[in-house]
Amino acid sequence: MFFTQDRVRLRNFYRETYNKALRGESLEPLEELVADVIREHPEYHRLFDGSDDALDADFAPEDGAINPWLHLSLHVALREQVGTDRPNGIADITRSLLLKHQDGHEVEHLMFECLGTALWNAQQSGQLDQIDSSYLECLKHLVKQ
């Protein structure tokens, strides 16, 4: 995946990709993935209208704000994980969740919780190598619920 820690650069990539899709231009596979995720979120389409305010905006969770850029990126990350089955087993778990819930978007939102918790715990403990096992255990728990 396109990786950068420069949030404005990443946000510009999303904006350029979506506008390219709107113009009917051909897209690279990653761009198609990003455009699909954006299409599924009409509530965020205002981010792509050309205003630079959206590129610089902060979304503080303590203010109750949901970061739309993070939200979109989590969808992209999950779809890449499932598509490559990394961590190993996530594709099977996702299929089980899809059979259970019958709604791919809902399933991804459920999976966000596991991914976010695993990342936060790994960051707090400094044990990033443990993320796959805790993440997969959380996802397996979702299947059993």
Protein backbone atom coordinates (compact mmCIF):
# COMPACT_ATOMS: atom_id res chain seq x y z
CA MET A 1 0.00 0.00 0.00
CA PHE A 2 0.97 3.60 -0.44
CA PHE A 3 2.56 4.45 2.89
CA THR A 4 3.40 7.83 4.31
CA GLN A 5 3.29 9.47 7.68
CA ASP A 6 2.58 12.81 6.02
CA ARG A 7 -1.16 13.10 6.52
CA VAL A 8 -1.62 15.89 3.97
CA ARG A 9 0.13 13.81 1.33
CA LEU A 10 -2.06 10.80 2.13
CA ARG A 11 -5.20 12.92 2.15
CA ASN A 12 -4.22 14.43 -1.21
CA PHE A 13 -3.75 10.92 -2.60
CA TYR A 14 -7.29 10.04 -1.51
CA ARG A 15 -8.67 13.27 -2.97
CA GLU A 16 -6.82 12.91 -6.28
CA THR A 17 -7.85 9.26 -6.55
CA TYR A 18 -11.52 9.98 -5.96
CA ASN A 19 -11.57 12.88 -8.41
CA LYS A 20 -9.78 10.74 -10.98
CA ALA A 21 -12.51 8.10 -10.53
CA LEU A 22 -15.23 10.74 -10.93
CA ARG A 23 -13.67 11.81 -14.23
CA GLY A 24 -13.74 8.19 -15.41
CA GLU A 25 -9.97 7.92 -15.69
CA SER A 26 -8.32 4.54 -15.37
CA LEU A 27 -7.13 3.67 -11.89
CA GLU A 28 -4.32 1.57 -10.51
CA PRO A 29 -5.47 -1.30 -8.23
CA LEU A 30 -4.78 0.65 -5.04
CA GLU A 31 -6.58 3.68 -6.43
CA GLU A 32 -9.58 1.50 -7.31
CA LEU A 33 -9.65 0.17 -3.76
CA VAL A 34 -9.52 3.69 -2.31
CA ALA A 35 -12.18 4.95 -4.73
CA ASP A 36 -14.48 2.04 -3.82
CA VAL A 37 -14.14 2.79 -0.11
CA ILE A 38 -14.84 6.49 -0.70
CA ARG A 39 -17.89 5.71 -2.86
CA GLU A 40 -19.32 3.73 0.07
CA HIS A 41 -19.08 6.79 2.32
CA PRO A 42 -21.15 9.61 0.80
CA GLU A 43 -21.09 11.37 4.17
CA TYR A 44 -17.40 12.09 3.52
CA HIS A 45 -17.63 13.24 -0.10
CA ARG A 46 -17.40 16.87 1.03
CA LEU A 47 -13.75 16.16 1.88
CA PHE A 48 -13.00 15.86 -1.80
CA ASP A 49 -14.53 19.14 -3.02
CA GLY A 50 -11.22 20.96 -3.30
CA SER A 51 -11.20 22.79 0.03
CA ASP A 52 -7.79 22.65 1.65
CA ASP A 53 -9.43 22.95 5.08
CA ALA A 54 -10.28 19.24 4.91
CA LEU A 55 -6.64 18.37 4.28
CA ASP A 56 -5.43 20.17 7.40
CA ALA A 57 -8.31 19.46 9.79
CA ASP A 58 -7.73 17.75 13.10
CA PHE A 59 -10.33 15.39 14.48
CA ALA A 60 -9.90 15.09 18.23
CA PRO A 61 -11.53 12.00 19.74
CA GLU A 62 -11.84 13.80 23.06
CA ASP A 63 -14.16 16.24 21.26
CA GLY A 64 -16.26 13.33 20.02
CA ALA A 65 -14.98 13.76 16.49
CA ILE A 66 -14.58 10.82 14.15
CA ASN A 67 -11.60 11.17 11.86
CA PRO A 68 -13.01 10.43 8.39
CA TRP A 69 -9.54 9.98 6.92
CA LEU A 70 -8.69 7.35 9.53
CA HIS A 71 -12.05 5.69 9.00
CA LEU A 72 -11.48 5.41 5.24
CA SER A 73 -7.91 4.21 5.78
CA LEU A 74 -9.05 1.46 8.14
CA HIS A 75 -11.38 0.15 5.45
CA VAL A 76 -8.52 0.17 2.94
CA ALA A 77 -6.15 -1.55 5.39
CA LEU A 78 -8.65 -4.29 6.24
CA ARG A 79 -9.39 -4.98 2.58
CA GLU A 80 -5.69 -5.24 1.84
CA GLN A 81 -5.21 -7.60 4.80
CA VAL A 82 -8.05 -9.84 3.66
CA GLY A 83 -6.91 -9.74 0.03
CA THR A 84 -3.42 -10.91 0.96
CA ASP A 85 -4.52 -13.05 3.94
CA ARG A 86 -2.05 -11.24 6.17
CA PRO A 87 -2.04 -11.86 9.02
CA ASN A 88 -2.47 -15.48 8.06
CA GLY A 89 -6.06 -16.60 8.66
CA ILE A 90 -7.77 -13.21 8.42
CA ALA A 91 -9.43 -14.09 5.09
CA ASP A 92 -11.14 -17.16 6.60
CA ILE A 93 -12.20 -15.22 9.68
CA THR A 94 -13.65 -12.49 7.48
CA ARG A 95 -15.60 -15.03 5.42
CA SER A 96 -17.05 -16.44 8.64
CA LEU A 97 -18.03 -12.96 9.80
CA LEU A 98 -19.63 -12.23 6.43
CA LEU A 99 -21.70 -15.41 6.64
CA LYS A 100 -22.79 -14.43 10.13
CA HIS A 101 -23.60 -10.75 9.50
CA GLN A 102 -24.37 -10.64 5.76
CA ASP A 103 -23.02 -7.08 5.51
CA GLY A 104 -19.41 -6.44 4.50
CA HIS A 105 -19.43 -2.86 5.70
CA GLU A 106 -20.73 -3.85 9.13
CA VAL A 107 -18.14 -6.62 9.34
CA GLU A 108 -15.33 -4.16 8.61
CA HIS A 109 -16.60 -1.86 11.35
CA LEU A 110 -16.61 -4.76 13.83
CA MET A 111 -13.07 -5.62 12.76
CA PHE A 112 -11.95 -2.00 13.32
CA GLU A 113 -12.38 -2.46 17.05
CA CYS A 114 -10.04 -5.45 17.09
CA LEU A 115 -7.47 -3.77 14.89
CA GLY A 116 -7.51 -0.54 16.90
CA THR A 117 -7.25 -2.36 20.22
CA ALA A 118 -4.41 -4.58 19.00
CA LEU A 119 -2.47 -1.60 17.66
CA TRP A 120 -2.99 0.42 20.83
CA ASN A 121 -1.99 -2.47 23.11
CA ALA A 122 1.10 -3.26 21.03
CA GLN A 123 2.13 0.39 21.02
CA GLN A 124 1.65 0.70 24.79
CA SER A 125 3.60 -2.48 25.54
CA GLY A 126 6.26 -1.88 22.90
CA GLN A 127 5.62 -5.40 21.60
CA LEU A 128 4.63 -4.76 18.00
CA ASP A 129 5.58 -8.34 17.15
CA GLN A 130 2.60 -9.56 19.22
CA ILE A 131 -0.03 -7.71 17.23
CA ASP A 132 -0.95 -10.54 14.87
CA SER A 133 -1.83 -13.04 17.59
CA SER A 134 -3.88 -10.64 19.73
CA TYR A 135 -5.60 -9.22 16.66
CA LEU A 136 -6.56 -12.64 15.33
CA GLU A 137 -7.78 -13.77 18.75
CA CYS A 138 -10.05 -10.74 18.96
CA LEU A 139 -11.40 -11.42 15.45
CA LYS A 140 -12.01 -15.09 16.29
CA HIS A 141 -13.97 -13.95 19.34
CA LEU A 142 -16.22 -11.91 17.03
CA VAL A 143 -17.04 -15.06 15.08
CA LYS A 144 -18.00 -16.88 18.30
CA GLN A 145 -20.25 -14.11 19.64
